[in-house]
Amino acid sequence: MEKILEKSPGGSWVLIGNLKVEPPLFLAPMAGLTHSALRRVIADFGGVGLFSTEMLSARSLAVENPKLSPYLIKTPEESPMSYQLLAGSPREIPPAVERLGELGAAAVDLNLGCGAPRVKRSGSGIALWNDECRLKAVAAEIRKRTSLPFTAKIRLGPGPDPDELRRRVLILEDLGVDALYVHARFDREPFSRNPKWQWVGKIKEWVNLPVIANGGIFSLQDAQKCLEQSGADGLMVGRAAAMKPWIFSIIASKLYGTDSCCRQINLPEIYRAFFEGLASRFPVDRQLGRLKEFTHYFAGNYPFGNRLAMAVQRASSMDEAMEAAVKFFELNAGTEREKAN
């Protein structure tokens, strides 16, 4: 049966499976970043239609303790939530999908774009995307095991080969995927390369599915340009979410007409809220590394933010890191880069 792409006339929401995502703004799954402390800070600003976990090992998911695991800890405000799976074999899928039901997942996403060496060695991410036989087996097993909205996050492939990319995305559509998240870069392209948003538009022409654009969205202007070049049904924001947790609120208000008008932006208060989220909900040994990772991006809000990042990187405890951050904020008050974009 042919799938029908449903979308509001004004583009302020998109239907993925049976899930209405409004506004059509998605938090990207990012290792070490897309966890409860960041999601909660973003939620306080509003504007996200669908949150995400970090990428989760399908093999380990069934035995993770949701009260202790930094990958599964969450608050009620972080909703609705998509859970992204790293899987290399269909055998890993049944217990993982069963666990997602217990966790109250709103959607399940299959990672087909990560090229990290350890991920490729496990047969997941890009390695799965490049193995058509296993890809079909894993995706078919997910679709068989759940009625949840099922999405796949992909890159554009190893190089500019539209025929091969078209063949692959049509395979995913035939297997029952409800939407595609497209990171608009080729497999080995670094983040420093400009995203190829026009390729998202090509994919939209090939499939009768919602197609969500990801990559290079750091401002309202980037979001506008991406939509103009791609015609995407929604936007997925990654690294900018750690630098500017209010970005969803601004895009939602300015592009999609929501009432999530951004509250006053106070950078030291945002940093402290993130710090307290880690300190209050995460095991002690899972706090400092995540604070350092977040600080690497958040420091970009200051002209001399590298000093903040370096000071926190040198810290050997959470208290030491927070003390260094407070000192930096006091010395650099009033130097923040433009925030309302």
Protein backbone atom coordinates (compact mmCIF):
# COMPACT_ATOMS: atom_id res chain seq x y z
CA MET A 1 0.00 0.00 0.00
CA GLU A 2 1.40 3.38 -0.98
CA LYS A 3 2.37 5.61 1.92
CA ILE A 4 0.93 9.10 1.97
CA LEU A 5 3.06 11.94 3.25
CA GLU A 6 0.93 13.96 5.64
CA LYS A 7 1.87 17.47 6.55
CA SER A 8 -0.03 20.57 7.61
CA PRO A 9 -0.61 23.19 4.90
CA GLY A 10 1.62 25.64 6.74
CA GLY A 11 4.32 23.06 7.37
CA SER A 12 4.10 23.48 11.15
CA TRP A 13 3.93 19.75 11.81
CA VAL A 14 4.77 16.43 10.16
CA LEU A 15 3.28 12.99 10.68
CA ILE A 16 5.82 10.18 11.14
CA GLY A 17 3.97 6.90 11.33
CA ASN A 18 1.24 7.67 13.82
CA LEU A 19 3.27 10.33 15.63
CA LYS A 20 2.48 13.99 15.01
CA VAL A 21 5.68 15.97 15.43
CA GLU A 22 4.88 19.63 16.08
CA PRO A 23 6.82 21.71 15.33
CA PRO A 24 8.86 19.57 12.89
CA LEU A 25 12.10 20.19 14.78
CA PHE A 26 14.19 17.23 15.91
CA LEU A 27 17.09 16.92 18.35
CA ALA A 28 19.87 14.87 16.76
CA PRO A 29 21.34 11.83 18.53
CA MET A 30 24.93 12.68 19.49
CA ALA A 31 27.35 10.56 21.49
CA GLY A 32 28.22 12.17 24.80
CA LEU A 33 25.80 15.07 24.28
CA THR A 34 22.20 13.99 23.70
CA HIS A 35 21.48 12.94 27.26
CA SER A 36 19.12 14.06 30.00
CA ALA A 37 21.10 17.07 31.22
CA LEU A 38 21.16 18.70 27.78
CA ARG A 39 17.66 17.61 26.81
CA ARG A 40 16.21 19.12 29.98
CA VAL A 41 17.93 22.47 29.37
CA ILE A 42 16.56 22.48 25.82
CA ALA A 43 13.09 21.51 27.06
CA ASP A 44 13.03 24.53 29.36
CA PHE A 45 13.26 26.76 26.28
CA GLY A 46 10.82 24.73 24.20
CA GLY A 47 10.51 24.32 20.46
CA VAL A 48 11.51 20.66 20.07
CA GLY A 49 8.98 18.40 18.39
CA LEU A 50 10.88 15.16 19.05
CA PHE A 51 13.78 14.53 21.41
CA SER A 52 16.35 11.77 20.95
CA THR A 53 18.68 9.62 22.98
CA GLU A 54 22.33 9.13 22.21
CA MET A 55 22.98 6.18 19.91
CA LEU A 56 22.28 3.03 21.95
CA SER A 57 23.83 -0.37 21.49
CA ALA A 58 20.96 -2.73 20.69
CA ARG A 59 23.02 -5.52 22.24
CA SER A 60 23.38 -3.70 25.58
CA LEU A 61 20.01 -1.98 25.79
CA ALA A 62 18.16 -4.90 27.34
CA VAL A 63 20.45 -4.98 30.39
CA GLU A 64 20.85 -1.22 30.99
CA ASN A 65 19.30 0.11 34.22
CA PRO A 66 17.18 3.14 33.26
CA LYS A 67 17.66 4.66 36.72
CA LEU A 68 21.46 4.53 36.51
CA SER A 69 22.43 4.38 32.86
CA PRO A 70 23.54 7.79 31.51
CA TYR A 71 22.06 6.69 28.18
CA LEU A 72 18.56 6.09 29.58
CA ILE A 73 18.12 8.54 32.47
CA LYS A 74 15.39 11.05 31.65
CA THR A 75 12.84 13.39 33.17
CA PRO A 76 9.15 13.68 32.18
CA GLU A 77 9.84 16.97 30.39
CA GLU A 78 12.02 15.19 27.79
CA SER A 79 9.09 14.01 25.74
CA PRO A 80 8.27 12.68 23.20
CA MET A 81 11.49 10.70 22.83
CA SER A 82 12.97 8.72 19.95
CA TYR A 83 15.49 6.01 20.83
CA GLN A 84 18.30 5.47 18.33
CA LEU A 85 19.67 1.95 17.92
CA LEU A 86 23.11 0.83 16.81
CA ALA A 87 22.60 -2.66 15.48
CA GLY A 88 24.66 -5.02 13.38
CA SER A 89 22.54 -8.15 13.40
CA PRO A 90 18.80 -8.93 13.35
CA ARG A 91 19.37 -11.17 16.39
CA GLU A 92 19.97 -8.05 18.49
CA ILE A 93 16.62 -6.52 17.63
CA PRO A 94 13.89 -8.47 19.51
CA PRO A 95 15.13 -7.83 23.08
CA ALA A 96 16.05 -4.23 22.22
CA VAL A 97 12.65 -3.41 20.77
CA GLU A 98 10.91 -5.09 23.68
CA ARG A 99 12.88 -2.88 26.04
CA LEU A 100 11.92 0.25 24.08
CA GLY A 101 8.30 -0.56 24.77
CA GLU A 102 9.03 -0.79 28.50
CA LEU A 103 10.84 2.56 28.38
CA GLY A 104 7.93 4.35 26.72
CA ALA A 105 9.69 5.18 23.47
CA ALA A 106 7.70 7.34 21.06
CA ALA A 107 9.77 6.21 18.05
CA VAL A 108 12.72 4.01 17.13
CA ASP A 109 15.56 5.22 14.90
CA LEU A 110 18.20 3.09 13.17
CA ASN A 111 21.69 4.58 12.91
CA LEU A 112 23.04 4.08 9.39
CA GLY A 113 25.38 7.07 9.29
CA CYS A 114 27.99 6.79 12.04
CA GLY A 115 31.45 6.05 10.68
CA ALA A 116 33.40 5.90 13.95
CA PRO A 117 35.92 3.05 13.84
CA ARG A 118 34.45 1.16 16.80
CA VAL A 119 30.97 1.44 15.32
CA LYS A 120 32.13 0.16 11.94
CA ARG A 121 33.96 -2.74 13.61
CA SER A 122 30.71 -3.76 15.28
CA GLY A 123 29.00 -3.89 11.90
CA SER A 124 26.73 -0.96 12.77
CA GLY A 125 26.24 2.53 11.37
CA ILE A 126 27.77 3.02 7.93
CA ALA A 127 28.97 -0.61 7.95
CA LEU A 128 25.35 -1.76 8.11
CA TRP A 129 24.30 0.77 5.45
CA ASN A 130 26.95 -0.65 3.11
CA ASP A 131 25.93 -4.29 3.66
CA GLU A 132 22.65 -4.61 1.80
CA CYS A 133 21.84 -8.11 3.00
CA ARG A 134 22.27 -7.30 6.69
CA LEU A 135 20.59 -3.92 6.23
CA LYS A 136 17.45 -5.57 4.89
CA ALA A 137 17.48 -8.18 7.67
CA VAL A 138 17.89 -5.65 10.49
CA ALA A 139 15.36 -3.14 9.16
CA ALA A 140 12.81 -5.87 8.43
CA GLU A 141 13.20 -7.23 11.94
CA ILE A 142 12.60 -3.81 13.51
CA ARG A 143 9.50 -3.28 11.38
CA LYS A 144 8.24 -6.75 12.26
CA ARG A 145 8.74 -6.26 15.99
CA THR A 146 7.16 -2.85 16.55
CA SER A 147 4.32 -0.61 15.47
CA LEU A 148 6.22 2.44 16.73
CA PRO A 149 7.23 5.04 14.17
CA PHE A 150 10.42 3.69 12.60
CA THR A 151 13.01 6.10 11.17
CA ALA A 152 16.51 5.77 9.75
CA LYS A 153 19.35 8.28 9.95
CA ILE A 154 21.65 8.21 6.93
CA ARG A 155 24.45 10.08 5.20
CA LEU A 156 24.71 10.55 1.44
CA GLY A 157 26.98 7.57 0.78
CA PRO A 158 30.69 7.39 -0.07
CA GLY A 159 30.50 9.87 -2.94
CA PRO A 160 28.27 11.64 -5.44
CA ASP A 161 26.37 8.64 -6.81
CA PRO A 162 22.68 9.59 -6.98
CA ASP A 163 21.64 6.30 -8.58
CA GLU A 164 23.06 4.21 -5.73
CA LEU A 165 21.69 6.57 -3.08
CA ARG A 166 18.26 6.44 -4.70
CA ARG A 167 18.34 2.63 -4.74
CA ARG A 168 19.25 2.49 -1.05
CA VAL A 169 16.59 4.90 0.19
CA LEU A 170 13.94 3.07 -1.84
CA ILE A 171 15.01 -0.14 -0.09
CA LEU A 172 14.36 1.54 3.26
CA GLU A 173 10.98 2.78 2.10
CA ASP A 174 10.01 -0.71 0.91
CA LEU A 175 11.05 -2.16 4.27
CA GLY A 176 8.59 0.06 6.11
CA VAL A 177 10.67 2.99 7.35
CA ASP A 178 8.34 5.89 8.20
CA ALA A 179 10.80 8.78 7.73
CA LEU A 180 14.41 9.53 6.84
CA TYR A 181 16.82 11.78 8.70
CA VAL A 182 19.45 12.85 6.19
CA HIS A 183 22.82 14.14 7.35
CA ALA A 184 23.68 16.00 4.18
CA ARG A 185 27.35 15.04 3.91
CA PHE A 186 29.13 12.13 2.28
CA ASP A 187 30.35 9.31 4.50
CA ARG A 188 33.88 10.57 5.16
CA GLU A 189 33.23 14.31 5.01
CA PRO A 190 34.11 16.12 8.25
CA PHE A 191 31.78 18.58 9.95
CA SER A 192 33.94 21.40 8.64
CA ARG A 193 32.64 20.77 5.11
CA ASN A 194 29.51 22.63 4.04
CA PRO A 195 26.43 20.37 4.06
CA LYS A 196 24.85 19.46 0.71
CA TRP A 197 21.26 20.36 1.50
CA GLN A 198 20.22 20.15 -2.15
CA TRP A 199 20.79 16.38 -1.95
CA VAL A 200 18.03 16.22 0.66
CA GLY A 201 15.76 17.65 -2.00
CA LYS A 202 16.79 14.85 -4.38
CA ILE A 203 15.82 12.25 -1.79
CA LYS A 204 12.46 13.96 -1.28
CA GLU A 205 11.75 13.50 -4.98
CA TRP A 206 12.52 9.76 -4.79
CA VAL A 207 10.48 8.69 -1.75
CA ASN A 208 6.97 9.19 -0.48
CA LEU A 209 8.16 9.68 3.09
CA PRO A 210 8.88 12.63 5.36
CA VAL A 211 12.50 13.65 4.85
CA ILE A 212 14.20 15.60 7.63
CA ALA A 213 17.37 17.60 6.91
CA ASN A 214 20.34 17.47 9.26
CA GLY A 215 23.77 19.09 9.20
CA GLY A 216 25.13 22.64 9.40
CA ILE A 217 22.14 24.28 11.10
CA PHE A 218 23.55 26.75 13.61
CA SER A 219 21.19 29.72 13.31
CA LEU A 220 17.77 30.86 12.17
CA GLN A 221 19.39 31.95 8.90
CA ASP A 222 20.88 28.47 8.40
CA ALA A 223 17.47 26.92 9.02
CA GLN A 224 15.82 29.18 6.46
CA LYS A 225 18.51 28.48 3.88
CA CYS A 226 18.33 24.73 4.48
CA LEU A 227 14.57 24.66 3.95
CA GLU A 228 14.87 26.75 0.80
CA GLN A 229 17.53 24.48 -0.71
CA SER A 230 16.10 21.13 0.40
CA GLY A 231 12.35 21.54 0.72
CA ALA A 232 12.71 19.29 3.77
CA ASP A 233 9.70 18.34 5.88
CA GLY A 234 11.55 19.31 9.03
CA LEU A 235 14.94 20.07 10.52
CA MET A 236 17.22 18.10 12.83
CA VAL A 237 19.68 20.15 14.87
CA GLY A 238 22.84 18.60 16.30
CA ARG A 239 25.93 20.36 17.64
CA ALA A 240 24.23 23.77 17.72
CA ALA A 241 21.88 22.37 20.37
CA ALA A 242 24.82 22.13 22.78
CA MET A 243 26.14 25.57 21.90
CA LYS A 244 22.73 27.28 21.83
CA PRO A 245 20.05 25.23 23.60
CA TRP A 246 17.54 27.98 22.79
CA ILE A 247 17.92 27.53 19.01
CA PHE A 248 14.85 25.31 18.71
CA SER A 249 12.70 27.94 20.40
CA ILE A 250 13.81 30.63 17.98
CA ILE A 251 13.36 28.49 14.86
CA ALA A 252 9.98 27.22 16.07
CA SER A 253 8.75 30.75 16.70
CA LYS A 254 10.15 32.44 13.59
CA LEU A 255 9.70 29.70 10.98
CA TYR A 256 6.82 27.62 12.27
CA GLY A 257 4.77 30.23 14.13
CA THR A 258 4.68 28.50 17.49
CA ASP A 259 4.28 30.38 20.74
CA SER A 260 7.57 29.03 22.13
CA CYS A 261 9.03 32.52 22.24
CA CYS A 262 12.45 32.29 23.73
CA ARG A 263 12.83 33.37 27.33
CA GLN A 264 15.72 35.57 28.38
CA ILE A 265 19.06 33.96 27.63
CA ASN A 266 21.49 33.99 30.55
CA LEU A 267 24.57 31.95 29.68
CA PRO A 268 25.90 31.38 33.23
CA GLU A 269 22.43 30.25 34.34
CA ILE A 270 22.16 27.83 31.43
CA TYR A 271 25.58 26.38 32.22
CA ARG A 272 24.65 25.95 35.89
CA ALA A 273 21.37 24.24 34.96
CA PHE A 274 23.30 21.77 32.82
CA PHE A 275 25.83 21.23 35.61
CA GLU A 276 23.08 20.59 38.15
CA GLY A 277 21.32 18.20 35.79
CA LEU A 278 24.46 16.09 35.65
CA ALA A 279 25.20 16.36 39.36
CA SER A 280 21.69 15.44 40.47
CA ARG A 281 20.82 12.60 38.05
CA PHE A 282 24.02 10.95 36.81
CA PRO A 283 26.42 8.54 38.54
CA VAL A 284 29.49 10.40 39.77
CA ASP A 285 31.82 8.71 37.31
CA ARG A 286 29.59 9.77 34.38
CA GLN A 287 29.44 13.48 35.14
CA LEU A 288 32.75 15.24 34.48
CA GLY A 289 33.37 13.83 31.00
CA ARG A 290 29.93 14.96 29.87
CA LEU A 291 30.46 18.40 31.37
CA LYS A 292 33.73 18.76 29.43
CA GLU A 293 32.06 17.64 26.20
CA PHE A 294 29.23 20.16 26.60
CA THR A 295 31.65 22.95 27.54
CA HIS A 296 33.61 22.42 24.32
CA TYR A 297 30.55 23.57 22.37
CA PHE A 298 28.98 26.00 24.83
CA ALA A 299 32.24 27.96 25.06
CA GLY A 300 31.66 29.05 21.47
CA ASN A 301 29.24 31.67 22.78
CA TYR A 302 32.25 33.75 23.88
CA PRO A 303 35.02 35.33 21.77
CA PHE A 304 37.59 33.85 24.14
CA GLY A 305 35.60 30.71 24.93
CA ASN A 306 38.63 28.52 24.36
CA ARG A 307 39.82 29.69 27.79
CA LEU A 308 36.63 28.35 29.36
CA ALA A 309 36.93 25.06 27.51
CA MET A 310 40.58 24.64 28.49
CA ALA A 311 39.97 25.52 32.15
CA VAL A 312 37.17 22.96 32.45
CA GLN A 313 39.18 20.39 30.51
CA ARG A 314 41.97 20.67 33.09
CA ALA A 315 39.57 20.17 36.02
CA SER A 316 39.78 16.90 37.94
CA SER A 317 36.39 17.22 39.66
CA MET A 318 32.96 18.70 39.03
CA ASP A 319 33.45 21.31 41.75
CA GLU A 320 36.78 22.37 40.28
CA ALA A 321 35.22 22.64 36.84
CA MET A 322 32.33 24.75 38.10
CA GLU A 323 34.68 27.04 40.00
CA ALA A 324 36.69 27.62 36.81
CA ALA A 325 33.51 28.29 34.85
CA VAL A 326 32.17 30.80 37.39
CA LYS A 327 35.48 32.68 37.30
CA PHE A 328 35.38 32.78 33.49
CA PHE A 329 31.79 34.06 33.41
CA GLU A 330 32.64 36.83 35.88
CA LEU A 331 35.66 37.97 33.87
CA ASN A 332 33.83 37.80 30.53
CA ALA A 333 30.45 39.26 31.44
CA GLY A 334 29.11 41.37 28.58
CA THR A 335 31.34 39.81 25.90
CA GLU A 336 28.83 37.18 24.73
CA ARG A 337 28.35 36.73 21.00
CA GLU A 338 24.96 37.54 19.46
CA LYS A 339 22.44 35.17 21.06
CA ALA A 340 19.10 35.83 19.40
CA ASN A 341 19.69 33.84 16.22
